[in-house]
Amino acid sequence: MGLIDNAKSLRKNSTCMEIKRWNSPGSQRFQGFKFRRQCTIGTYIIDFVCIEKKLIIGIGGGQQNECWQNEYDNRKTNYLNNSGCEILRLWNNEVQQQFNLVMDVIYNYLMNDV
């Protein structure tokens, strides 16, 4: 399966937290900024990205604690940072339990108040 096909598959089989974020009011647009979901940048698939602000949002669960995943994430982070992107990583439980706070954090990133 190619990278684009994999991204399409991930859009169809999103985690419940990705779906919650994407289905929230104004999800494709937040404070006037457009977001894309499960798209590719280089050889990586990104959960959410605001191209205009070069803000990448990753939502993950426990698999990020695996050693091989840490190595992959480090390579991905280096690539994206070298491309001028800023990365905001969130845990599924943060989105689930503190959704409004998470939205405030995203807003602050978009407004460069971080």
Protein backbone atom coordinates (compact mmCIF):
# COMPACT_ATOMS: atom_id res chain seq x y z
CA MET A 1 0.00 0.00 0.00
CA GLY A 2 1.40 3.41 -0.98
CA LEU A 3 1.66 6.42 1.29
CA ILE A 4 -1.39 8.20 -0.18
CA ASP A 5 -3.49 5.03 0.06
CA ASN A 6 -2.35 4.58 3.65
CA ALA A 7 -3.40 8.17 4.48
CA LYS A 8 -6.82 7.54 2.93
CA SER A 9 -7.16 4.36 4.97
CA LEU A 10 -6.25 6.23 8.16
CA ARG A 11 -8.91 8.86 7.41
CA LYS A 12 -11.48 6.09 7.11
CA ASN A 13 -10.26 4.29 10.26
CA SER A 14 -9.51 7.21 12.58
CA THR A 15 -9.25 6.81 16.33
CA CYS A 16 -12.20 8.00 18.41
CA MET A 17 -10.19 11.05 19.56
CA GLU A 18 -9.31 12.03 15.99
CA ILE A 19 -12.98 11.68 15.06
CA LYS A 20 -14.02 13.75 18.10
CA ARG A 21 -11.62 16.52 17.11
CA TRP A 22 -12.60 16.41 13.45
CA ASN A 23 -16.34 16.30 14.14
CA SER A 24 -16.29 19.16 16.65
CA PRO A 25 -17.96 22.42 15.58
CA GLY A 26 -15.83 24.25 13.04
CA SER A 27 -13.31 21.43 12.95
CA GLN A 28 -12.13 21.86 9.37
CA ARG A 29 -11.83 25.57 10.16
CA PHE A 30 -10.82 26.79 13.59
CA GLN A 31 -10.69 30.53 14.28
CA GLY A 32 -10.53 31.05 10.52
CA PHE A 33 -7.62 28.65 9.98
CA LYS A 34 -8.14 25.65 7.70
CA PHE A 35 -7.04 22.20 8.87
CA ARG A 36 -6.40 19.05 6.86
CA ARG A 37 -6.63 15.58 8.34
CA GLN A 38 -4.48 12.49 7.69
CA CYS A 39 -2.46 14.10 4.92
CA THR A 40 1.10 13.47 3.82
CA ILE A 41 4.12 15.72 4.31
CA GLY A 42 7.21 14.18 2.78
CA THR A 43 7.10 10.49 3.64
CA TYR A 44 5.02 10.99 6.80
CA ILE A 45 1.29 10.92 7.48
CA ILE A 46 0.13 13.76 9.70
CA ASP A 47 -2.98 13.60 11.93
CA PHE A 48 -3.92 17.29 11.53
CA VAL A 49 -2.13 20.19 9.89
CA CYS A 50 -2.79 23.88 9.44
CA ILE A 51 -0.69 24.62 6.36
CA GLU A 52 -1.00 28.40 6.77
CA LYS A 53 0.56 28.36 10.25
CA LYS A 54 2.73 25.26 9.67
CA LEU A 55 1.19 23.74 12.79
CA ILE A 56 1.02 19.96 13.00
CA ILE A 57 -1.16 18.30 15.63
CA GLY A 58 -0.55 14.67 16.49
CA ILE A 59 -2.98 12.71 18.66
CA GLY A 60 -1.70 9.45 20.04
CA GLY A 61 -2.14 6.68 22.52
CA GLY A 62 0.27 4.38 24.32
CA GLN A 63 2.15 3.18 21.23
CA GLN A 64 4.36 6.29 21.44
CA ASN A 65 6.08 4.68 24.43
CA GLU A 66 7.52 1.84 22.33
CA CYS A 67 11.25 2.12 21.62
CA TRP A 68 10.87 1.71 17.85
CA GLN A 69 8.11 4.32 17.85
CA ASN A 70 10.33 6.82 19.68
CA GLU A 71 13.03 6.43 17.01
CA TYR A 72 10.47 6.88 14.24
CA ASP A 73 8.93 9.91 15.97
CA ASN A 74 12.36 11.50 16.44
CA ARG A 75 13.12 11.16 12.70
CA LYS A 76 9.66 12.49 11.85
CA THR A 77 10.01 15.42 14.27
CA ASN A 78 13.45 16.35 12.88
CA TYR A 79 12.14 16.24 9.32
CA LEU A 80 9.07 18.34 10.11
CA ASN A 81 10.99 20.87 12.22
CA ASN A 82 13.57 21.24 9.43
CA SER A 83 10.63 21.91 7.10
CA GLY A 84 9.64 24.85 9.31
CA CYS A 85 6.73 23.14 11.04
CA GLU A 86 5.81 23.31 14.70
CA ILE A 87 4.48 20.12 16.27
CA LEU A 88 1.88 19.88 19.01
CA ARG A 89 1.57 16.37 20.41
CA LEU A 90 -1.53 15.41 22.36
CA TRP A 91 -2.58 12.23 24.12
CA ASN A 92 -5.96 10.64 23.44
CA ASN A 93 -6.89 10.97 27.11
CA GLU A 94 -6.10 14.72 27.08
CA VAL A 95 -8.46 15.25 24.16
CA GLN A 96 -11.10 13.07 25.77
CA GLN A 97 -10.93 14.45 29.31
CA GLN A 98 -9.93 18.08 28.71
CA PHE A 99 -11.28 18.88 25.26
CA ASN A 100 -11.92 22.59 25.90
CA LEU A 101 -8.44 23.05 27.36
CA VAL A 102 -6.93 21.28 24.34
CA MET A 103 -8.84 23.62 22.03
CA ASP A 104 -7.47 26.60 24.01
CA VAL A 105 -3.92 25.27 23.59
CA ILE A 106 -4.45 24.88 19.84
CA TYR A 107 -5.84 28.42 19.69
CA ASN A 108 -2.75 29.76 21.48
CA TYR A 109 -0.46 27.97 19.04
CA LEU A 110 -2.38 29.45 16.12
CA MET A 111 -2.14 32.93 17.60
CA ASN A 112 1.58 32.44 18.40
CA ASP A 113 0.98 33.05 22.10
CA VAL A 114 2.89 29.96 23.22
